[in-house]
Amino acid sequence: MIEVANLSKRYGAKLAVDDVSFTVKPGVVTGFLGPNGAGKSTTMRMIVGLDRPTTGAATVNGKRYAEHRDPLHQVGSLLEAKAVHTGRSAYNHLLALAATHSIPKSRVHEVIEMTGLENVASKRVGGFSLGMGQRLGIAVALLGDPQTLILDEPVNGLDPDGVLWVRHLTRHLAAQGRTVFLSSHLMSEMSVTADHVIILGRGKVLADASMDDLTSRVGTTRVTVRTPSPDLLASAIAGPEVGVTGTPDGALSITGIDAARIGEAAFHAGVLLHELTPVKASLEQAYLELTQDDVEYRSEVAA
């Protein structure tokens, strides 16, 4: 379990993390989202002791990272995949780290196999692609068979097969009762990987909720309807809060009324329905709505 309490980090005049508190629980995949400059990486670095908090504290499994006598067995982290001696082979890099915690060579071979590095394990890391560097970083995180994993952008540079592998790996580890905390800019991937989401904006927590609660609470739920009598249906469900718009493929997108009430109104009006599908707000919609005022680096769309 990761517990963050009133955590703040100031760099001169800039407050990068502002009184942040949250708990990352075992058994679920917790996603960490936010715009560039929101403080995600700084928060993760403070959790594993790479940055000293200005105020507040962060603990992993009940202790600060520096207090663990065997940190690799407690916490596996991927924060900077390039932090490797480029002249070493992947195997020798893992072997050197294993030696610091009396981890056997057999475990080094296990994580090499788990991360798909068998064919490049003897090659120098300096020649690795971005994706292979990420796989090596994940291998390092898994080396001590830790109960807690902290992964910053683990799918960065991976091909579609690699992205799918990370998704299955993180969900498998969470199913074993481990704590899994990961960040990503890929909303589509996070929406099918994470069970719970924490969103930062300008160093503050904007949301801390399950995926279902977040998408239900934020954004507009709509219903997709197909009918040969769109005008008659629109009249049957008309109301001050109801919005009906046509879509390019001939369906109706309806807001302000749920699917059950649309179905009842259509039945009483004798309107035939070919489709009646509730559509929840996506994670991307919820994220954009929450962070629209907290984007530090904003791009303008060219006219």
C-alpha atoms as a PDB file:
ATOM      1  CA  MET A   1       0.000   0.000   0.000  1.00  0.00           C
ATOM      2  CA  ILE A   2       1.147   3.536  -0.774  1.00  0.00           C
ATOM      3  CA  GLU A   3       0.043   6.351   1.540  1.00  0.00           C
ATOM      4  CA  VAL A   4       0.686   9.984   0.655  1.00  0.00           C
ATOM      5  CA  ALA A   5      -0.147  12.595   3.315  1.00  0.00           C
ATOM      6  CA  ASN A   6      -0.094  16.372   2.757  1.00  0.00           C
ATOM      7  CA  LEU A   7       2.804  16.044   0.346  1.00  0.00           C
ATOM      8  CA  SER A   8       4.241  19.248  -1.125  1.00  0.00           C
ATOM      9  CA  LYS A   9       7.337  20.043  -3.172  1.00  0.00           C
ATOM     10  CA  ARG A  10       8.613  23.511  -3.947  1.00  0.00           C
ATOM     11  CA  TYR A  11      11.375  24.391  -6.404  1.00  0.00           C
ATOM     12  CA  GLY A  12      12.178  28.016  -5.662  1.00  0.00           C
ATOM     13  CA  ALA A  13       9.048  30.023  -6.428  1.00  0.00           C
ATOM     14  CA  LYS A  14       7.306  27.086  -8.139  1.00  0.00           C
ATOM     15  CA  LEU A  15       5.053  24.823  -6.088  1.00  0.00           C
ATOM     16  CA  ALA A  16       5.208  21.603  -8.121  1.00  0.00           C
ATOM     17  CA  VAL A  17       3.146  19.481  -5.697  1.00  0.00           C
ATOM     18  CA  ASP A  18       0.625  21.204  -3.450  1.00  0.00           C
ATOM     19  CA  ASP A  19      -0.612  19.420  -0.289  1.00  0.00           C
ATOM     20  CA  VAL A  20      -1.390  16.123  -2.021  1.00  0.00           C
ATOM     21  CA  SER A  21      -2.958  13.238  -0.108  1.00  0.00           C
ATOM     22  CA  PHE A  22      -4.130   9.856  -1.420  1.00  0.00           C
ATOM     23  CA  THR A  23      -3.903   6.113  -0.808  1.00  0.00           C
ATOM     24  CA  VAL A  24      -3.040   3.484  -3.418  1.00  0.00           C
ATOM     25  CA  LYS A  25      -4.569   0.201  -2.310  1.00  0.00           C
ATOM     26  CA  PRO A  26      -3.449  -3.346  -3.107  1.00  0.00           C
ATOM     27  CA  GLY A  27      -5.450  -5.576  -5.390  1.00  0.00           C
ATOM     28  CA  VAL A  28      -6.350  -2.934  -7.973  1.00  0.00           C
ATOM     29  CA  VAL A  29      -4.517  -1.078 -10.729  1.00  0.00           C
ATOM     30  CA  THR A  30      -4.437   2.627  -9.867  1.00  0.00           C
ATOM     31  CA  GLY A  31      -3.842   5.037 -12.728  1.00  0.00           C
ATOM     32  CA  PHE A  32      -2.095   8.377 -12.185  1.00  0.00           C
ATOM     33  CA  LEU A  33      -3.103  11.049 -14.696  1.00  0.00           C
ATOM     34  CA  GLY A  34      -2.539  14.735 -15.260  1.00  0.00           C
ATOM     35  CA  PRO A  35      -1.301  17.259 -17.828  1.00  0.00           C
ATOM     36  CA  ASN A  36       2.406  17.876 -18.393  1.00  0.00           C
ATOM     37  CA  GLY A  37       3.768  19.755 -15.390  1.00  0.00           C
ATOM     38  CA  ALA A  38       0.977  18.564 -13.093  1.00  0.00           C
ATOM     39  CA  GLY A  39       3.432  17.022 -10.603  1.00  0.00           C
ATOM     40  CA  LYS A  40       2.964  13.303 -11.331  1.00  0.00           C
ATOM     41  CA  SER A  41       6.614  12.378 -11.798  1.00  0.00           C
ATOM     42  CA  THR A  42       7.678  14.569  -8.874  1.00  0.00           C
ATOM     43  CA  THR A  43       5.143  12.816  -6.640  1.00  0.00           C
ATOM     44  CA  MET A  44       6.366   9.389  -7.725  1.00  0.00           C
ATOM     45  CA  ARG A  45       9.976  10.418  -7.136  1.00  0.00           C
ATOM     46  CA  MET A  46       9.124  11.559  -3.603  1.00  0.00           C
ATOM     47  CA  ILE A  47       7.409   8.248  -2.869  1.00  0.00           C
ATOM     48  CA  VAL A  48      10.637   6.347  -3.620  1.00  0.00           C
ATOM     49  CA  GLY A  49      12.923   8.877  -1.941  1.00  0.00           C
ATOM     50  CA  LEU A  50      14.526  10.389  -5.044  1.00  0.00           C
ATOM     51  CA  ASP A  51      13.192  13.850  -4.144  1.00  0.00           C
ATOM     52  CA  ARG A  52      12.825  15.189  -0.619  1.00  0.00           C
ATOM     53  CA  PRO A  53       9.359  16.591   0.183  1.00  0.00           C
ATOM     54  CA  THR A  54       9.127  20.212   1.265  1.00  0.00           C
ATOM     55  CA  THR A  55       6.299  19.172   3.579  1.00  0.00           C
ATOM     56  CA  GLY A  56       4.319  16.002   4.185  1.00  0.00           C
ATOM     57  CA  ALA A  57       5.304  12.369   3.869  1.00  0.00           C
ATOM     58  CA  ALA A  58       4.892   9.287   1.711  1.00  0.00           C
ATOM     59  CA  THR A  59       5.089   5.697   2.917  1.00  0.00           C
ATOM     60  CA  VAL A  60       5.133   2.336   1.161  1.00  0.00           C
ATOM     61  CA  ASN A  61       3.926  -0.676   3.111  1.00  0.00           C
ATOM     62  CA  GLY A  62       3.912   1.412   6.287  1.00  0.00           C
ATOM     63  CA  LYS A  63       7.445   2.846   6.035  1.00  0.00           C
ATOM     64  CA  ARG A  64       9.232   5.594   4.188  1.00  0.00           C
ATOM     65  CA  TYR A  65      11.232   4.174   1.314  1.00  0.00           C
ATOM     66  CA  ALA A  66      14.583   4.942   2.999  1.00  0.00           C
ATOM     67  CA  GLU A  67      13.525   2.980   6.091  1.00  0.00           C
ATOM     68  CA  HIS A  68      13.158  -0.321   4.210  1.00  0.00           C
ATOM     69  CA  ARG A  69      16.176  -2.588   4.665  1.00  0.00           C
ATOM     70  CA  ASP A  70      15.328  -4.459   1.446  1.00  0.00           C
ATOM     71  CA  PRO A  71      13.710  -1.861  -0.856  1.00  0.00           C
ATOM     72  CA  LEU A  72      13.851  -3.952  -4.044  1.00  0.00           C
ATOM     73  CA  HIS A  73      11.746  -6.609  -2.316  1.00  0.00           C
ATOM     74  CA  GLN A  74       9.254  -3.977  -1.161  1.00  0.00           C
ATOM     75  CA  VAL A  75       8.979  -1.562  -4.089  1.00  0.00           C
ATOM     76  CA  GLY A  76       9.709  -2.005  -7.777  1.00  0.00           C
ATOM     77  CA  SER A  77       9.851   1.252  -9.711  1.00  0.00           C
ATOM     78  CA  LEU A  78      10.273   2.433 -13.280  1.00  0.00           C
ATOM     79  CA  LEU A  79      10.822   6.188 -13.224  1.00  0.00           C
ATOM     80  CA  GLU A  80      13.617   6.683 -15.748  1.00  0.00           C
ATOM     81  CA  ALA A  81      14.343   3.765 -18.039  1.00  0.00           C
ATOM     82  CA  LYS A  82      17.508   5.425 -19.389  1.00  0.00           C
ATOM     83  CA  ALA A  83      19.202   5.469 -15.972  1.00  0.00           C
ATOM     84  CA  VAL A  84      21.449   2.557 -16.946  1.00  0.00           C
ATOM     85  CA  HIS A  85      25.182   2.332 -17.692  1.00  0.00           C
ATOM     86  CA  THR A  86      25.097   2.193 -21.496  1.00  0.00           C
ATOM     87  CA  GLY A  87      28.213  -0.005 -21.685  1.00  0.00           C
ATOM     88  CA  ARG A  88      26.666  -2.825 -19.665  1.00  0.00           C
ATOM     89  CA  SER A  89      24.586  -5.624 -21.065  1.00  0.00           C
ATOM     90  CA  ALA A  90      21.028  -6.001 -19.846  1.00  0.00           C
ATOM     91  CA  TYR A  91      21.981  -9.232 -18.085  1.00  0.00           C
ATOM     92  CA  ASN A  92      24.948  -7.672 -16.257  1.00  0.00           C
ATOM     93  CA  HIS A  93      22.865  -4.656 -15.237  1.00  0.00           C
ATOM     94  CA  LEU A  94      20.237  -6.906 -13.666  1.00  0.00           C
ATOM     95  CA  LEU A  95      22.895  -9.138 -12.130  1.00  0.00           C
ATOM     96  CA  ALA A  96      24.597  -6.169 -10.450  1.00  0.00           C
ATOM     97  CA  LEU A  97      21.300  -4.977  -8.971  1.00  0.00           C
ATOM     98  CA  ALA A  98      20.456  -8.507  -7.817  1.00  0.00           C
ATOM     99  CA  ALA A  99      23.757  -8.747  -5.967  1.00  0.00           C
ATOM    100  CA  THR A 100      22.834  -5.754  -3.786  1.00  0.00           C
ATOM    101  CA  HIS A 101      19.867  -7.676  -2.354  1.00  0.00           C
ATOM    102  CA  SER A 102      21.189 -11.256  -2.477  1.00  0.00           C
ATOM    103  CA  ILE A 103      18.751 -12.043  -5.279  1.00  0.00           C
ATOM    104  CA  PRO A 104      19.753 -15.288  -7.033  1.00  0.00           C
ATOM    105  CA  LYS A 105      20.791 -15.483 -10.688  1.00  0.00           C
ATOM    106  CA  SER A 106      17.741 -17.635 -11.342  1.00  0.00           C
ATOM    107  CA  ARG A 107      15.526 -14.615 -10.680  1.00  0.00           C
ATOM    108  CA  VAL A 108      17.531 -12.550 -13.173  1.00  0.00           C
ATOM    109  CA  HIS A 109      16.823 -15.171 -15.815  1.00  0.00           C
ATOM    110  CA  GLU A 110      13.144 -15.217 -14.803  1.00  0.00           C
ATOM    111  CA  VAL A 111      12.611 -11.474 -15.283  1.00  0.00           C
ATOM    112  CA  ILE A 112      14.543 -11.524 -18.572  1.00  0.00           C
ATOM    113  CA  GLU A 113      12.129 -14.176 -19.827  1.00  0.00           C
ATOM    114  CA  MET A 114       9.092 -12.385 -18.381  1.00  0.00           C
ATOM    115  CA  THR A 115       9.947  -9.149 -20.168  1.00  0.00           C
ATOM    116  CA  GLY A 116      10.909 -10.647 -23.510  1.00  0.00           C
ATOM    117  CA  LEU A 117      14.586  -9.693 -23.339  1.00  0.00           C
ATOM    118  CA  GLU A 118      16.078 -13.120 -24.065  1.00  0.00           C
ATOM    119  CA  ASN A 119      17.401 -12.184 -27.512  1.00  0.00           C
ATOM    120  CA  VAL A 120      19.057  -8.943 -26.368  1.00  0.00           C
ATOM    121  CA  ALA A 121      20.124  -9.797 -22.798  1.00  0.00           C
ATOM    122  CA  SER A 122      23.800 -10.027 -23.770  1.00  0.00           C
ATOM    123  CA  LYS A 123      23.773  -6.794 -25.791  1.00  0.00           C
ATOM    124  CA  ARG A 124      24.904  -3.416 -24.506  1.00  0.00           C
ATOM    125  CA  VAL A 125      22.067  -1.252 -23.251  1.00  0.00           C
ATOM    126  CA  GLY A 126      23.395   1.752 -25.175  1.00  0.00           C
ATOM    127  CA  GLY A 127      22.163   0.159 -28.394  1.00  0.00           C
ATOM    128  CA  PHE A 128      18.654  -0.554 -27.125  1.00  0.00           C
ATOM    129  CA  SER A 129      15.560   0.944 -28.750  1.00  0.00           C
ATOM    130  CA  LEU A 130      13.195   2.962 -26.568  1.00  0.00           C
ATOM    131  CA  GLY A 131      10.861  -0.014 -26.275  1.00  0.00           C
ATOM    132  CA  MET A 132      13.627  -2.416 -25.234  1.00  0.00           C
ATOM    133  CA  GLY A 133      14.814   0.148 -22.685  1.00  0.00           C
ATOM    134  CA  GLN A 134      11.310   0.190 -21.233  1.00  0.00           C
ATOM    135  CA  ARG A 135      11.245  -3.589 -21.013  1.00  0.00           C
ATOM    136  CA  LEU A 136      14.564  -3.533 -19.164  1.00  0.00           C
ATOM    137  CA  GLY A 137      13.197  -0.907 -16.770  1.00  0.00           C
ATOM    138  CA  ILE A 138      10.191  -3.112 -16.051  1.00  0.00           C
ATOM    139  CA  ALA A 139      12.522  -6.088 -15.521  1.00  0.00           C
ATOM    140  CA  VAL A 140      14.391  -4.039 -12.900  1.00  0.00           C
ATOM    141  CA  ALA A 141      11.091  -3.171 -11.203  1.00  0.00           C
ATOM    142  CA  LEU A 142      10.132  -6.864 -11.051  1.00  0.00           C
ATOM    143  CA  LEU A 143      13.554  -8.132  -9.970  1.00  0.00           C
ATOM    144  CA  GLY A 144      12.880  -8.260  -6.235  1.00  0.00           C
ATOM    145  CA  ASP A 145       9.372  -9.740  -6.675  1.00  0.00           C
ATOM    146  CA  PRO A 146       7.986  -6.684  -4.816  1.00  0.00           C
ATOM    147  CA  GLN A 147       4.527  -6.229  -3.334  1.00  0.00           C
ATOM    148  CA  THR A 148       4.329  -2.676  -4.701  1.00  0.00           C
ATOM    149  CA  LEU A 149       5.029  -1.446  -8.235  1.00  0.00           C
ATOM    150  CA  ILE A 150       5.369   2.197  -9.307  1.00  0.00           C
ATOM    151  CA  LEU A 151       5.590   2.604 -13.076  1.00  0.00           C
ATOM    152  CA  ASP A 152       5.895   6.009 -14.764  1.00  0.00           C
ATOM    153  CA  GLU A 153       4.795   5.783 -18.421  1.00  0.00           C
ATOM    154  CA  PRO A 154       5.585   2.043 -18.720  1.00  0.00           C
ATOM    155  CA  VAL A 155       4.166   1.737 -22.262  1.00  0.00           C
ATOM    156  CA  ASN A 156       6.215   4.620 -23.657  1.00  0.00           C
ATOM    157  CA  GLY A 157       7.911   3.422 -26.860  1.00  0.00           C
ATOM    158  CA  LEU A 158       6.336  -0.031 -26.843  1.00  0.00           C
ATOM    159  CA  ASP A 159       4.682  -1.523 -29.918  1.00  0.00           C
ATOM    160  CA  PRO A 160       1.025  -2.677 -29.722  1.00  0.00           C
ATOM    161  CA  ASP A 161       2.048  -6.153 -28.535  1.00  0.00           C
ATOM    162  CA  GLY A 162       4.181  -4.578 -25.805  1.00  0.00           C
ATOM    163  CA  VAL A 163       1.349  -2.313 -24.696  1.00  0.00           C
ATOM    164  CA  LEU A 164      -0.980  -5.312 -24.450  1.00  0.00           C
ATOM    165  CA  TRP A 165       1.688  -7.211 -22.495  1.00  0.00           C
ATOM    166  CA  VAL A 166       2.009  -4.380 -19.940  1.00  0.00           C
ATOM    167  CA  ARG A 167      -1.782  -4.278 -19.576  1.00  0.00           C
ATOM    168  CA  HIS A 168      -1.987  -8.005 -18.859  1.00  0.00           C
ATOM    169  CA  LEU A 169       1.057  -7.922 -16.572  1.00  0.00           C
ATOM    170  CA  THR A 170      -0.221  -5.096 -14.379  1.00  0.00           C
ATOM    171  CA  ARG A 171      -3.679  -6.578 -14.065  1.00  0.00           C
ATOM    172  CA  HIS A 172      -2.182 -10.007 -13.258  1.00  0.00           C
ATOM    173  CA  LEU A 173       0.001  -8.515 -10.521  1.00  0.00           C
ATOM    174  CA  ALA A 174      -2.935  -6.611  -9.035  1.00  0.00           C
ATOM    175  CA  ALA A 175      -4.997  -9.817  -9.059  1.00  0.00           C
ATOM    176  CA  GLN A 176      -2.271 -11.366  -6.891  1.00  0.00           C
ATOM    177  CA  GLY A 177      -2.985  -8.693  -4.267  1.00  0.00           C
ATOM    178  CA  ARG A 178      -0.083  -6.393  -5.126  1.00  0.00           C
ATOM    179  CA  THR A 179      -0.212  -2.614  -5.206  1.00  0.00           C
ATOM    180  CA  VAL A 180       0.124  -1.306  -8.779  1.00  0.00           C
ATOM    181  CA  PHE A 181       0.486   2.435  -9.415  1.00  0.00           C
ATOM    182  CA  LEU A 182       1.132   3.610 -12.954  1.00  0.00           C
ATOM    183  CA  SER A 183       0.961   6.742 -15.050  1.00  0.00           C
ATOM    184  CA  SER A 184       0.258   7.043 -18.763  1.00  0.00           C
ATOM    185  CA  HIS A 185      -0.733   9.633 -21.331  1.00  0.00           C
ATOM    186  CA  LEU A 186      -2.644   6.993 -23.325  1.00  0.00           C
ATOM    187  CA  MET A 187      -6.240   7.464 -22.156  1.00  0.00           C
ATOM    188  CA  SER A 188      -7.541   4.573 -24.237  1.00  0.00           C
ATOM    189  CA  GLU A 189      -5.050   2.231 -22.592  1.00  0.00           C
ATOM    190  CA  MET A 190      -5.621   3.554 -19.083  1.00  0.00           C
ATOM    191  CA  SER A 191      -9.388   3.152 -19.491  1.00  0.00           C
ATOM    192  CA  VAL A 192      -9.005  -0.621 -19.993  1.00  0.00           C
ATOM    193  CA  THR A 193      -6.149  -1.139 -17.534  1.00  0.00           C
ATOM    194  CA  ALA A 194      -6.911   0.905 -14.407  1.00  0.00           C
ATOM    195  CA  ASP A 195      -9.608   0.147 -11.830  1.00  0.00           C
ATOM    196  CA  HIS A 196      -9.068   3.397  -9.923  1.00  0.00           C
ATOM    197  CA  VAL A 197      -7.810   6.800 -11.068  1.00  0.00           C
ATOM    198  CA  ILE A 198      -6.057   9.711  -9.356  1.00  0.00           C
ATOM    199  CA  ILE A 199      -5.863  12.911 -11.418  1.00  0.00           C
ATOM    200  CA  LEU A 200      -3.499  15.793 -10.675  1.00  0.00           C
ATOM    201  CA  GLY A 201      -3.695  19.333 -12.016  1.00  0.00           C
ATOM    202  CA  ARG A 202      -1.176  22.050 -11.162  1.00  0.00           C
ATOM    203  CA  GLY A 203       0.043  19.964  -8.239  1.00  0.00           C
ATOM    204  CA  LYS A 204      -3.380  19.347  -6.671  1.00  0.00           C
ATOM    205  CA  VAL A 205      -5.624  16.276  -6.606  1.00  0.00           C
ATOM    206  CA  LEU A 206      -8.570  16.892  -8.925  1.00  0.00           C
ATOM    207  CA  ALA A 207     -10.098  13.421  -8.673  1.00  0.00           C
ATOM    208  CA  ASP A 208      -9.571  10.226  -6.673  1.00  0.00           C
ATOM    209  CA  ALA A 209     -12.228   7.726  -7.704  1.00  0.00           C
ATOM    210  CA  SER A 210     -12.953   4.367  -9.273  1.00  0.00           C
ATOM    211  CA  MET A 211     -13.076   4.353 -13.058  1.00  0.00           C
ATOM    212  CA  ASP A 212     -16.849   3.778 -13.051  1.00  0.00           C
ATOM    213  CA  ASP A 213     -17.529   6.557 -10.536  1.00  0.00           C
ATOM    214  CA  LEU A 214     -15.342   9.004 -12.427  1.00  0.00           C
ATOM    215  CA  THR A 215     -16.936   8.457 -15.825  1.00  0.00           C
ATOM    216  CA  SER A 216     -20.444   8.467 -14.301  1.00  0.00           C
ATOM    217  CA  ARG A 217     -19.885  11.632 -12.273  1.00  0.00           C
ATOM    218  CA  VAL A 218     -18.026  13.663 -14.855  1.00  0.00           C
ATOM    219  CA  GLY A 219     -19.137  14.190 -18.421  1.00  0.00           C
ATOM    220  CA  THR A 220     -22.553  13.706 -19.972  1.00  0.00           C
ATOM    221  CA  THR A 221     -24.114  10.276 -20.358  1.00  0.00           C
ATOM    222  CA  ARG A 222     -25.917   9.911 -23.651  1.00  0.00           C
ATOM    223  CA  VAL A 223     -28.070   7.315 -25.371  1.00  0.00           C
ATOM    224  CA  THR A 224     -27.694   6.220 -28.974  1.00  0.00           C
ATOM    225  CA  VAL A 225     -31.049   5.462 -30.625  1.00  0.00           C
ATOM    226  CA  ARG A 226     -31.947   4.213 -34.095  1.00  0.00           C
ATOM    227  CA  THR A 227     -35.543   4.455 -35.251  1.00  0.00           C
ATOM    228  CA  PRO A 228     -37.422   4.838 -38.562  1.00  0.00           C
ATOM    229  CA  SER A 229     -39.516   7.573 -36.868  1.00  0.00           C
ATOM    230  CA  PRO A 230     -36.993  10.066 -35.391  1.00  0.00           C
ATOM    231  CA  ASP A 231     -39.364  13.064 -35.392  1.00  0.00           C
ATOM    232  CA  LEU A 232     -42.098  11.133 -33.603  1.00  0.00           C
ATOM    233  CA  LEU A 233     -39.640   9.888 -30.995  1.00  0.00           C
ATOM    234  CA  ALA A 234     -38.244  13.397 -30.454  1.00  0.00           C
ATOM    235  CA  SER A 235     -41.769  14.642 -29.763  1.00  0.00           C
ATOM    236  CA  ALA A 236     -42.459  11.759 -27.364  1.00  0.00           C
ATOM    237  CA  ILE A 237     -39.430  12.508 -25.185  1.00  0.00           C
ATOM    238  CA  ALA A 238     -39.390  16.315 -25.486  1.00  0.00           C
ATOM    239  CA  GLY A 239     -38.493  18.190 -22.307  1.00  0.00           C
ATOM    240  CA  PRO A 240     -36.439  21.150 -21.051  1.00  0.00           C
ATOM    241  CA  GLU A 241     -33.411  18.976 -20.212  1.00  0.00           C
ATOM    242  CA  VAL A 242     -33.595  16.653 -23.214  1.00  0.00           C
ATOM    243  CA  GLY A 243     -31.244  17.136 -26.151  1.00  0.00           C
ATOM    244  CA  VAL A 244     -31.650  15.265 -29.437  1.00  0.00           C
ATOM    245  CA  THR A 245     -29.068  15.484 -32.211  1.00  0.00           C
ATOM    246  CA  GLY A 246     -28.576  13.476 -35.368  1.00  0.00           C
ATOM    247  CA  THR A 247     -25.305  11.644 -36.052  1.00  0.00           C
ATOM    248  CA  PRO A 248     -23.623  11.215 -39.467  1.00  0.00           C
ATOM    249  CA  ASP A 249     -24.590   7.519 -39.575  1.00  0.00           C
ATOM    250  CA  GLY A 250     -28.291   8.240 -39.148  1.00  0.00           C
ATOM    251  CA  ALA A 251     -28.679   7.540 -35.425  1.00  0.00           C
ATOM    252  CA  LEU A 252     -29.891   9.911 -32.716  1.00  0.00           C
ATOM    253  CA  SER A 253     -27.686  10.997 -29.811  1.00  0.00           C
ATOM    254  CA  ILE A 254     -29.914  11.817 -26.855  1.00  0.00           C
ATOM    255  CA  THR A 255     -28.956  13.460 -23.548  1.00  0.00           C
ATOM    256  CA  GLY A 256     -30.943  14.462 -20.465  1.00  0.00           C
ATOM    257  CA  ILE A 257     -33.013  11.269 -20.285  1.00  0.00           C
ATOM    258  CA  ASP A 258     -32.005   7.681 -19.601  1.00  0.00           C
ATOM    259  CA  ALA A 259     -32.497   4.656 -21.841  1.00  0.00           C
ATOM    260  CA  ALA A 260     -35.332   3.174 -19.762  1.00  0.00           C
ATOM    261  CA  ARG A 261     -37.450   6.347 -20.033  1.00  0.00           C
ATOM    262  CA  ILE A 262     -36.741   6.606 -23.773  1.00  0.00           C
ATOM    263  CA  GLY A 263     -37.884   3.004 -24.228  1.00  0.00           C
ATOM    264  CA  GLU A 264     -41.081   3.607 -22.222  1.00  0.00           C
ATOM    265  CA  ALA A 265     -41.887   6.797 -24.158  1.00  0.00           C
ATOM    266  CA  ALA A 266     -41.302   5.019 -27.483  1.00  0.00           C
ATOM    267  CA  PHE A 267     -43.553   2.142 -26.437  1.00  0.00           C
ATOM    268  CA  HIS A 268     -46.438   4.426 -25.461  1.00  0.00           C
ATOM    269  CA  ALA A 269     -46.040   6.466 -28.654  1.00  0.00           C
ATOM    270  CA  GLY A 270     -45.917   3.371 -30.843  1.00  0.00           C
ATOM    271  CA  VAL A 271     -42.410   4.163 -32.093  1.00  0.00           C
ATOM    272  CA  LEU A 272     -40.318   1.256 -33.360  1.00  0.00           C
ATOM    273  CA  LEU A 273     -36.726   1.219 -32.048  1.00  0.00           C
ATOM    274  CA  HIS A 274     -33.888  -0.582 -33.821  1.00  0.00           C
ATOM    275  CA  GLU A 275     -31.259   0.385 -31.227  1.00  0.00           C
ATOM    276  CA  LEU A 276     -31.268   1.764 -27.691  1.00  0.00           C
ATOM    277  CA  THR A 277     -27.722   1.953 -26.279  1.00  0.00           C
ATOM    278  CA  PRO A 278     -26.593   3.914 -23.195  1.00  0.00           C
ATOM    279  CA  VAL A 279     -23.114   5.379 -23.753  1.00  0.00           C
ATOM    280  CA  LYS A 280     -21.104   6.465 -20.713  1.00  0.00           C
ATOM    281  CA  ALA A 281     -18.677   9.342 -20.826  1.00  0.00           C
ATOM    282  CA  SER A 282     -15.190   8.092 -21.694  1.00  0.00           C
ATOM    283  CA  LEU A 283     -12.174   8.491 -19.439  1.00  0.00           C
ATOM    284  CA  GLU A 284     -10.792  10.967 -21.970  1.00  0.00           C
ATOM    285  CA  GLN A 285     -13.940  13.114 -21.754  1.00  0.00           C
ATOM    286  CA  ALA A 286     -13.861  13.041 -17.967  1.00  0.00           C
ATOM    287  CA  TYR A 287     -10.131  13.834 -17.897  1.00  0.00           C
ATOM    288  CA  LEU A 288     -10.429  16.773 -20.301  1.00  0.00           C
ATOM    289  CA  GLU A 289     -13.352  18.208 -18.370  1.00  0.00           C
ATOM    290  CA  LEU A 290     -11.515  17.968 -15.060  1.00  0.00           C
ATOM    291  CA  THR A 291      -8.203  19.357 -16.304  1.00  0.00           C
ATOM    292  CA  GLN A 292      -9.381  22.033 -18.742  1.00  0.00           C
ATOM    293  CA  ASP A 293      -8.391  24.828 -16.344  1.00  0.00           C
ATOM    294  CA  ASP A 294      -5.189  23.165 -15.150  1.00  0.00           C
ATOM    295  CA  VAL A 295      -3.183  22.684 -18.336  1.00  0.00           C
ATOM    296  CA  GLU A 296       0.130  24.487 -17.917  1.00  0.00           C
ATOM    297  CA  TYR A 297       1.289  24.134 -21.515  1.00  0.00           C
ATOM    298  CA  ARG A 298      -1.641  24.682 -23.888  1.00  0.00           C
ATOM    299  CA  SER A 299      -1.549  24.479 -27.694  1.00  0.00           C
ATOM    300  CA  GLU A 300      -3.832  26.521 -29.891  1.00  0.00           C
ATOM    301  CA  VAL A 301      -5.566  24.909 -32.879  1.00  0.00           C
ATOM    302  CA  ALA A 302      -4.543  26.625 -36.107  1.00  0.00           C
ATOM    303  CA  ALA A 303      -7.353  28.319 -37.988  1.00  0.00           C
END
